[in-house]
């Protein structure tokens, strides 16, 4: 685990555009995640995942979390690394995911995160910045809402 190297910003931007599309919209605002602090999970020179986060006013928001090698604990390691950053600053660790992202809902709950808020009709907020956003969702469940998680550890 290491901080993103400044020379890797263009790689991060390309990766985020592919996986998320920029900007990233959160309940905290609209963010260019490629410019945020980032942590990289790496093994033998190969990047296995990356997390971007935002610090401010006693909080640490996980803005993006991507594992490129799922099932090996990369996402967990990245979340734990951001947790260390938050705890070192005595900051509230939090994030959002969307109602149809069942894998993420399960993932965060299994890692000590607790649902603390439902942001109804969040899709309308996202569409202000990303008119093309897909609402079809997963398993026939449409993207409509954001669910806020907070670290309870």
N, C-alpha and C. Protein backbone atom coordinates (compact mmCIF):
# COMPACT_ATOMS: atom_id res chain seq x y z
N UNK A 1 0.85 -1.17 0.00
CA UNK A 1 0.00 0.00 0.00
C UNK A 1 0.90 1.23 0.00
N UNK A 2 0.57 2.18 -0.86
CA UNK A 2 1.39 3.39 -0.92
C UNK A 2 0.55 4.55 -1.47
N UNK A 3 0.99 5.77 -1.20
CA UNK A 3 0.31 6.92 -1.83
C UNK A 3 0.55 6.91 -3.33
N UNK A 4 -0.37 7.44 -4.07
CA UNK A 4 -0.21 7.58 -5.52
C UNK A 4 0.98 8.49 -5.79
N UNK A 5 1.82 8.10 -6.71
CA UNK A 5 2.95 8.91 -7.14
C UNK A 5 2.42 10.01 -8.06
N UNK A 6 2.93 11.20 -7.93
CA UNK A 6 2.48 12.33 -8.75
C UNK A 6 2.54 12.06 -10.24
N UNK A 7 3.49 11.25 -10.67
CA UNK A 7 3.62 10.93 -12.10
C UNK A 7 2.55 9.96 -12.57
N UNK A 8 1.77 9.40 -11.63
CA UNK A 8 0.73 8.44 -11.99
C UNK A 8 -0.65 9.10 -12.16
N UNK A 9 -0.70 10.42 -12.05
CA UNK A 9 -1.99 11.11 -12.14
C UNK A 9 -2.69 10.87 -13.48
N UNK A 10 -1.95 10.84 -14.57
CA UNK A 10 -2.59 10.62 -15.87
C UNK A 10 -3.15 9.19 -15.95
N UNK A 11 -2.42 8.22 -15.40
CA UNK A 11 -2.94 6.85 -15.33
C UNK A 11 -4.22 6.81 -14.49
N UNK A 12 -4.22 7.49 -13.33
CA UNK A 12 -5.39 7.51 -12.46
C UNK A 12 -6.58 8.12 -13.20
N UNK A 13 -6.36 9.23 -13.87
CA UNK A 13 -7.45 9.89 -14.60
C UNK A 13 -8.05 8.92 -15.64
N UNK A 14 -7.21 8.27 -16.42
CA UNK A 14 -7.70 7.33 -17.45
C UNK A 14 -8.47 6.18 -16.81
N UNK A 15 -7.97 5.67 -15.71
CA UNK A 15 -8.63 4.57 -15.00
C UNK A 15 -9.99 5.00 -14.47
N UNK A 16 -10.05 6.18 -13.87
CA UNK A 16 -11.32 6.68 -13.32
C UNK A 16 -12.34 6.97 -14.42
N UNK A 17 -11.88 7.51 -15.53
CA UNK A 17 -12.79 7.77 -16.65
C UNK A 17 -13.41 6.46 -17.13
N UNK A 18 -12.59 5.42 -17.26
CA UNK A 18 -13.08 4.11 -17.70
C UNK A 18 -14.07 3.50 -16.71
N UNK A 19 -13.74 3.56 -15.43
CA UNK A 19 -14.54 2.84 -14.42
C UNK A 19 -15.69 3.65 -13.84
N UNK A 20 -15.55 4.96 -13.77
CA UNK A 20 -16.55 5.79 -13.12
C UNK A 20 -17.13 6.86 -14.03
N UNK A 21 -16.32 7.34 -14.95
CA UNK A 21 -16.68 8.56 -15.66
C UNK A 21 -16.41 9.73 -14.72
N UNK A 22 -15.90 10.79 -15.25
CA UNK A 22 -15.63 11.97 -14.41
C UNK A 22 -16.58 13.08 -14.82
N UNK A 23 -16.98 13.89 -13.90
CA UNK A 23 -16.61 13.90 -12.49
C UNK A 23 -17.36 12.81 -11.72
N UNK A 24 -16.93 12.59 -10.48
CA UNK A 24 -17.62 11.69 -9.57
C UNK A 24 -18.55 12.55 -8.73
N UNK A 25 -19.81 12.14 -8.67
CA UNK A 25 -20.81 12.91 -7.93
C UNK A 25 -21.10 12.20 -6.62
N UNK A 26 -21.04 12.95 -5.55
CA UNK A 26 -21.32 12.44 -4.21
C UNK A 26 -22.34 13.36 -3.54
N UNK A 27 -22.82 12.97 -2.41
CA UNK A 27 -23.69 13.85 -1.64
C UNK A 27 -22.91 15.06 -1.13
N UNK A 28 -21.59 14.96 -1.12
CA UNK A 28 -20.73 16.07 -0.69
C UNK A 28 -20.44 17.05 -1.82
N UNK A 29 -20.78 16.68 -3.04
CA UNK A 29 -20.53 17.56 -4.17
C UNK A 29 -20.01 16.80 -5.39
N UNK A 30 -19.53 17.57 -6.34
CA UNK A 30 -19.00 17.04 -7.60
C UNK A 30 -17.48 17.12 -7.51
N UNK A 31 -16.82 15.98 -7.76
CA UNK A 31 -15.37 15.91 -7.54
C UNK A 31 -14.63 15.40 -8.77
N UNK A 32 -13.48 15.99 -9.02
CA UNK A 32 -12.54 15.43 -9.99
C UNK A 32 -11.66 14.50 -9.17
N UNK A 33 -12.06 13.25 -9.09
CA UNK A 33 -11.38 12.28 -8.24
C UNK A 33 -9.91 12.08 -8.63
N UNK A 34 -9.57 12.39 -9.86
CA UNK A 34 -8.18 12.23 -10.31
C UNK A 34 -7.25 13.24 -9.64
N UNK A 35 -7.81 14.27 -9.04
CA UNK A 35 -7.01 15.28 -8.36
C UNK A 35 -6.98 15.09 -6.84
N UNK A 36 -7.71 14.12 -6.33
CA UNK A 36 -7.79 13.88 -4.89
C UNK A 36 -6.61 13.04 -4.41
N UNK A 37 -6.36 13.05 -3.09
CA UNK A 37 -5.36 12.11 -2.55
C UNK A 37 -5.78 10.69 -2.90
N UNK A 38 -4.80 9.83 -3.14
CA UNK A 38 -5.10 8.46 -3.54
C UNK A 38 -4.09 7.50 -2.93
N UNK A 39 -4.57 6.30 -2.65
CA UNK A 39 -3.72 5.21 -2.18
C UNK A 39 -3.78 4.09 -3.20
N UNK A 40 -2.64 3.46 -3.43
CA UNK A 40 -2.51 2.41 -4.43
C UNK A 40 -2.13 1.11 -3.75
N UNK A 41 -2.81 0.04 -4.12
CA UNK A 41 -2.41 -1.31 -3.69
C UNK A 41 -1.58 -1.88 -4.83
N UNK A 42 -0.38 -2.32 -4.48
CA UNK A 42 0.56 -2.76 -5.52
C UNK A 42 1.25 -4.03 -5.07
N UNK A 43 1.51 -4.90 -6.04
CA UNK A 43 2.25 -6.13 -5.76
C UNK A 43 3.24 -6.35 -6.90
N UNK A 44 4.50 -6.41 -6.56
CA UNK A 44 5.57 -6.63 -7.55
C UNK A 44 5.45 -5.70 -8.75
N UNK A 45 5.18 -4.42 -8.49
CA UNK A 45 5.12 -3.42 -9.55
C UNK A 45 3.80 -3.37 -10.30
N UNK A 46 2.87 -4.25 -9.96
CA UNK A 46 1.56 -4.27 -10.64
C UNK A 46 0.51 -3.63 -9.73
N UNK A 47 -0.21 -2.64 -10.24
CA UNK A 47 -1.25 -1.98 -9.45
C UNK A 47 -2.48 -2.87 -9.41
N UNK A 48 -2.90 -3.20 -8.18
CA UNK A 48 -4.04 -4.09 -7.97
C UNK A 48 -5.32 -3.33 -7.63
N UNK A 49 -5.17 -2.06 -7.25
CA UNK A 49 -6.35 -1.27 -6.91
C UNK A 49 -5.96 0.12 -6.48
N UNK A 50 -6.98 0.97 -6.38
CA UNK A 50 -6.74 2.37 -5.99
C UNK A 50 -7.97 2.91 -5.28
N UNK A 51 -7.74 3.75 -4.29
CA UNK A 51 -8.81 4.44 -3.58
C UNK A 51 -8.49 5.93 -3.59
N UNK A 52 -9.50 6.74 -3.88
CA UNK A 52 -9.36 8.18 -3.76
C UNK A 52 -10.22 8.63 -2.59
N UNK A 53 -9.77 9.69 -1.93
CA UNK A 53 -10.51 10.16 -0.77
C UNK A 53 -10.39 11.67 -0.65
N UNK A 54 -11.30 12.22 0.14
CA UNK A 54 -11.39 13.66 0.33
C UNK A 54 -11.37 13.94 1.83
N UNK A 55 -10.48 14.85 2.24
CA UNK A 55 -10.39 15.24 3.64
C UNK A 55 -10.95 16.64 3.84
N UNK A 56 -11.62 16.86 4.96
CA UNK A 56 -12.09 18.20 5.26
C UNK A 56 -13.07 18.24 6.41
N UNK A 57 -12.97 19.27 7.22
CA UNK A 57 -13.92 19.53 8.31
C UNK A 57 -14.21 18.30 9.17
N UNK A 58 -13.18 17.63 9.62
CA UNK A 58 -13.36 16.49 10.52
C UNK A 58 -13.91 15.24 9.86
N UNK A 59 -13.78 15.17 8.54
CA UNK A 59 -14.29 13.99 7.84
C UNK A 59 -13.31 13.53 6.77
N UNK A 60 -13.45 12.26 6.45
CA UNK A 60 -12.67 11.64 5.38
C UNK A 60 -13.65 10.81 4.56
N UNK A 61 -13.89 11.25 3.34
CA UNK A 61 -14.83 10.56 2.46
C UNK A 61 -14.07 9.71 1.45
N UNK A 62 -14.42 8.44 1.38
CA UNK A 62 -13.91 7.58 0.31
C UNK A 62 -14.73 7.94 -0.92
N UNK A 63 -14.07 8.50 -1.92
CA UNK A 63 -14.77 8.95 -3.12
C UNK A 63 -14.84 7.84 -4.16
N UNK A 64 -13.73 7.13 -4.37
CA UNK A 64 -13.74 5.95 -5.25
C UNK A 64 -12.92 4.85 -4.60
N UNK A 65 -13.31 3.62 -4.87
CA UNK A 65 -12.58 2.45 -4.40
C UNK A 65 -12.66 1.41 -5.51
N UNK A 66 -11.51 1.04 -6.07
CA UNK A 66 -11.47 0.10 -7.18
C UNK A 66 -10.46 -0.99 -6.92
N UNK A 67 -10.91 -2.23 -7.02
CA UNK A 67 -10.02 -3.38 -6.99
C UNK A 67 -9.96 -3.94 -8.41
N UNK A 68 -8.76 -4.10 -8.92
CA UNK A 68 -8.59 -4.64 -10.26
C UNK A 68 -8.34 -6.14 -10.22
N UNK A 69 -8.26 -6.68 -9.02
CA UNK A 69 -7.99 -8.11 -8.83
C UNK A 69 -8.90 -8.59 -7.69
N UNK A 70 -10.17 -8.73 -8.00
CA UNK A 70 -11.18 -9.01 -6.98
C UNK A 70 -10.99 -10.38 -6.35
N UNK A 71 -11.42 -10.47 -5.10
CA UNK A 71 -11.36 -11.73 -4.38
C UNK A 71 -10.05 -11.99 -3.65
N UNK A 72 -9.16 -11.01 -3.67
CA UNK A 72 -7.85 -11.19 -3.02
C UNK A 72 -7.66 -10.26 -1.83
N UNK A 73 -8.70 -9.52 -1.45
CA UNK A 73 -8.59 -8.62 -0.30
C UNK A 73 -8.07 -7.24 -0.63
N UNK A 74 -7.98 -6.92 -1.90
CA UNK A 74 -7.46 -5.62 -2.32
C UNK A 74 -8.37 -4.49 -1.85
N UNK A 75 -9.67 -4.63 -2.08
CA UNK A 75 -10.62 -3.61 -1.65
C UNK A 75 -10.60 -3.42 -0.15
N UNK A 76 -10.53 -4.52 0.58
CA UNK A 76 -10.47 -4.45 2.04
C UNK A 76 -9.21 -3.73 2.49
N UNK A 77 -8.09 -4.06 1.87
CA UNK A 77 -6.82 -3.41 2.23
C UNK A 77 -6.86 -1.91 1.94
N UNK A 78 -7.46 -1.53 0.82
CA UNK A 78 -7.57 -0.12 0.48
C UNK A 78 -8.47 0.62 1.47
N UNK A 79 -9.61 0.02 1.79
CA UNK A 79 -10.52 0.64 2.76
C UNK A 79 -9.83 0.79 4.11
N UNK A 80 -9.11 -0.25 4.53
CA UNK A 80 -8.38 -0.18 5.80
C UNK A 80 -7.31 0.90 5.78
N UNK A 81 -6.65 1.08 4.64
CA UNK A 81 -5.61 2.12 4.53
C UNK A 81 -6.22 3.51 4.63
N UNK A 82 -7.38 3.73 4.02
CA UNK A 82 -8.05 5.03 4.14
C UNK A 82 -8.55 5.20 5.58
N UNK A 83 -8.98 4.12 6.20
CA UNK A 83 -9.41 4.15 7.60
C UNK A 83 -8.26 4.65 8.49
N UNK A 84 -7.05 4.21 8.22
CA UNK A 84 -5.87 4.65 8.99
C UNK A 84 -5.68 6.16 8.82
N UNK A 85 -5.82 6.64 7.59
CA UNK A 85 -5.71 8.08 7.33
C UNK A 85 -6.76 8.84 8.14
N UNK A 86 -7.99 8.37 8.11
CA UNK A 86 -9.07 9.04 8.84
C UNK A 86 -8.83 9.03 10.35
N UNK A 87 -8.46 7.88 10.88
CA UNK A 87 -8.23 7.77 12.32
C UNK A 87 -7.06 8.64 12.77
N UNK A 88 -6.03 8.75 11.95
CA UNK A 88 -4.87 9.59 12.29
C UNK A 88 -5.26 11.06 12.41
N UNK A 89 -6.32 11.44 11.73
CA UNK A 89 -6.80 12.83 11.76
C UNK A 89 -8.05 12.99 12.63
N UNK A 90 -8.40 11.89 13.33
CA UNK A 90 -9.61 11.88 14.15
C UNK A 90 -10.81 12.34 13.34
N UNK A 91 -10.90 11.84 12.11
CA UNK A 91 -11.93 12.25 11.17
C UNK A 91 -12.96 11.14 10.98
N UNK A 92 -14.18 11.52 10.76
CA UNK A 92 -15.26 10.58 10.46
C UNK A 92 -15.01 9.98 9.07
N UNK A 93 -14.96 8.66 8.97
CA UNK A 93 -14.79 7.98 7.69
C UNK A 93 -16.18 7.63 7.14
N UNK A 94 -16.44 8.04 5.91
CA UNK A 94 -17.74 7.76 5.32
C UNK A 94 -17.64 7.65 3.81
N UNK A 95 -18.72 7.17 3.20
CA UNK A 95 -18.80 7.03 1.75
C UNK A 95 -20.25 6.81 1.37
N UNK A 96 -20.51 6.87 0.08
CA UNK A 96 -21.82 6.50 -0.43
C UNK A 96 -21.67 5.41 -1.48
N UNK A 97 -22.73 4.66 -1.64
CA UNK A 97 -22.88 3.78 -2.79
C UNK A 97 -24.34 3.87 -3.20
N UNK A 98 -24.68 3.22 -4.28
CA UNK A 98 -26.05 3.35 -4.79
C UNK A 98 -26.89 2.13 -4.44
N UNK A 99 -28.18 2.34 -4.42
CA UNK A 99 -29.12 1.33 -3.94
C UNK A 99 -29.08 0.02 -4.70
N UNK A 100 -28.70 0.04 -5.97
CA UNK A 100 -28.70 -1.19 -6.77
C UNK A 100 -27.37 -1.92 -6.76
N UNK A 101 -26.38 -1.36 -6.10
CA UNK A 101 -25.04 -1.96 -6.08
C UNK A 101 -24.93 -2.93 -4.90
N UNK A 102 -25.56 -4.09 -5.08
CA UNK A 102 -25.65 -5.07 -4.00
C UNK A 102 -24.29 -5.55 -3.52
N UNK A 103 -23.35 -5.71 -4.43
CA UNK A 103 -22.00 -6.16 -4.04
C UNK A 103 -21.35 -5.15 -3.11
N UNK A 104 -21.48 -3.86 -3.44
CA UNK A 104 -20.90 -2.82 -2.58
C UNK A 104 -21.62 -2.75 -1.24
N UNK A 105 -22.93 -2.86 -1.25
CA UNK A 105 -23.69 -2.83 0.01
C UNK A 105 -23.21 -3.94 0.95
N UNK A 106 -23.04 -5.12 0.41
CA UNK A 106 -22.56 -6.27 1.18
C UNK A 106 -21.11 -6.05 1.63
N UNK A 107 -20.28 -5.60 0.71
CA UNK A 107 -18.86 -5.39 0.98
C UNK A 107 -18.67 -4.43 2.16
N UNK A 108 -19.30 -3.27 2.12
CA UNK A 108 -19.07 -2.27 3.16
C UNK A 108 -19.62 -2.72 4.51
N UNK A 109 -20.76 -3.38 4.52
CA UNK A 109 -21.30 -3.85 5.79
C UNK A 109 -20.41 -4.91 6.42
N UNK A 110 -19.85 -5.77 5.62
CA UNK A 110 -18.96 -6.82 6.14
C UNK A 110 -17.64 -6.25 6.66
N UNK A 111 -17.34 -5.02 6.34
CA UNK A 111 -16.09 -4.40 6.75
C UNK A 111 -16.29 -3.30 7.78
N UNK A 112 -17.35 -3.40 8.54
CA UNK A 112 -17.55 -2.51 9.68
C UNK A 112 -18.18 -1.17 9.37
N UNK A 113 -18.69 -1.03 8.16
CA UNK A 113 -19.37 0.22 7.81
C UNK A 113 -20.86 0.04 8.09
N UNK A 114 -21.50 1.12 8.53
CA UNK A 114 -22.90 1.07 8.91
C UNK A 114 -23.70 2.05 8.06
N UNK A 115 -24.88 1.62 7.60
CA UNK A 115 -25.76 2.52 6.86
C UNK A 115 -26.29 3.58 7.82
N UNK A 116 -26.07 4.84 7.46
CA UNK A 116 -26.51 5.92 8.35
C UNK A 116 -27.50 6.88 7.69
N UNK A 117 -27.62 6.83 6.36
CA UNK A 117 -28.55 7.75 5.70
C UNK A 117 -28.93 7.22 4.32
N UNK A 118 -30.15 7.54 3.94
CA UNK A 118 -30.64 7.27 2.60
C UNK A 118 -30.85 8.62 1.92
N UNK A 119 -30.24 8.81 0.78
CA UNK A 119 -30.39 10.05 0.02
C UNK A 119 -31.30 9.72 -1.17
N UNK A 120 -32.57 9.97 -0.97
CA UNK A 120 -33.59 9.61 -1.96
C UNK A 120 -33.42 10.40 -3.26
N UNK A 121 -33.71 9.71 -4.35
CA UNK A 121 -33.67 10.31 -5.70
C UNK A 121 -32.33 10.96 -6.03
N UNK A 122 -31.26 10.36 -5.55
CA UNK A 122 -29.91 10.85 -5.81
C UNK A 122 -29.59 10.85 -7.30
N UNK A 123 -30.23 9.97 -8.05
CA UNK A 123 -30.00 9.92 -9.49
C UNK A 123 -30.26 11.29 -10.13
N UNK A 124 -31.21 12.06 -9.60
CA UNK A 124 -31.49 13.39 -10.15
C UNK A 124 -30.31 14.33 -9.91
N UNK A 125 -29.65 14.20 -8.77
CA UNK A 125 -28.46 15.01 -8.47
C UNK A 125 -27.33 14.64 -9.43
N UNK A 126 -27.13 13.35 -9.63
CA UNK A 126 -26.06 12.88 -10.53
C UNK A 126 -26.31 13.38 -11.95
N UNK A 127 -27.53 13.34 -12.39
CA UNK A 127 -27.85 13.74 -13.78
C UNK A 127 -27.56 15.21 -14.05
N UNK A 128 -27.49 16.03 -13.04
CA UNK A 128 -27.13 17.44 -13.26
C UNK A 128 -25.70 17.57 -13.79
N UNK A 129 -24.84 16.62 -13.43
CA UNK A 129 -23.45 16.64 -13.88
C UNK A 129 -23.16 15.58 -14.93
N UNK A 130 -23.99 14.54 -14.97
CA UNK A 130 -23.78 13.41 -15.89
C UNK A 130 -25.13 13.03 -16.49
N UNK A 131 -25.54 13.76 -17.49
CA UNK A 131 -26.86 13.55 -18.08
C UNK A 131 -27.03 12.13 -18.63
N UNK A 132 -25.94 11.51 -19.01
CA UNK A 132 -25.97 10.19 -19.65
C UNK A 132 -26.01 9.04 -18.65
N UNK A 133 -26.10 9.31 -17.36
CA UNK A 133 -25.98 8.25 -16.36
C UNK A 133 -27.01 7.15 -16.60
N UNK A 134 -26.55 5.93 -16.47
CA UNK A 134 -27.37 4.74 -16.68
C UNK A 134 -28.19 4.46 -15.42
N UNK A 135 -29.48 4.21 -15.57
CA UNK A 135 -30.33 3.94 -14.41
C UNK A 135 -30.79 2.49 -14.35
N UNK A 136 -30.49 1.71 -15.37
CA UNK A 136 -30.97 0.33 -15.43
C UNK A 136 -30.54 -0.48 -14.21
N UNK A 137 -29.35 -0.26 -13.72
CA UNK A 137 -28.91 -0.92 -12.50
C UNK A 137 -28.57 -2.39 -12.69
N UNK A 138 -28.51 -3.08 -11.55
CA UNK A 138 -28.14 -4.49 -11.51
C UNK A 138 -29.35 -5.35 -11.15
N UNK A 139 -29.44 -6.51 -11.74
CA UNK A 139 -30.49 -7.48 -11.39
C UNK A 139 -31.89 -6.89 -11.45
N UNK A 140 -32.12 -5.99 -12.39
CA UNK A 140 -33.44 -5.42 -12.57
C UNK A 140 -33.82 -4.34 -11.56
N UNK A 141 -32.87 -3.90 -10.74
CA UNK A 141 -33.13 -2.84 -9.77
C UNK A 141 -32.55 -1.54 -10.33
N UNK A 142 -33.37 -0.53 -10.44
CA UNK A 142 -32.94 0.74 -11.01
C UNK A 142 -32.13 1.56 -10.00
N UNK A 143 -31.16 2.30 -10.49
CA UNK A 143 -30.42 3.26 -9.67
C UNK A 143 -31.32 4.44 -9.41
N UNK A 144 -31.59 4.70 -8.14
CA UNK A 144 -32.38 5.87 -7.76
C UNK A 144 -31.78 6.61 -6.58
N UNK A 145 -31.28 5.87 -5.60
CA UNK A 145 -30.90 6.47 -4.32
C UNK A 145 -29.43 6.23 -4.00
N UNK A 146 -28.91 7.04 -3.09
CA UNK A 146 -27.57 6.81 -2.53
C UNK A 146 -27.74 6.40 -1.08
N UNK A 147 -26.90 5.49 -0.66
CA UNK A 147 -26.88 5.05 0.73
C UNK A 147 -25.55 5.46 1.32
N UNK A 148 -25.61 6.17 2.41
CA UNK A 148 -24.41 6.65 3.08
C UNK A 148 -23.99 5.67 4.16
N UNK A 149 -22.71 5.34 4.14
CA UNK A 149 -22.12 4.46 5.14
C UNK A 149 -21.12 5.25 5.98
N UNK A 150 -20.98 4.84 7.22
CA UNK A 150 -20.04 5.46 8.14
C UNK A 150 -19.28 4.35 8.86
N UNK A 151 -18.02 4.60 9.12
CA UNK A 151 -17.20 3.65 9.85
C UNK A 151 -17.63 3.60 11.30
N UNK A 152 -17.88 2.41 11.80
CA UNK A 152 -18.28 2.24 13.20
C UNK A 152 -17.20 1.59 14.04
N UNK A 153 -16.02 1.43 13.48
CA UNK A 153 -14.91 0.80 14.23
C UNK A 153 -14.23 1.81 15.11
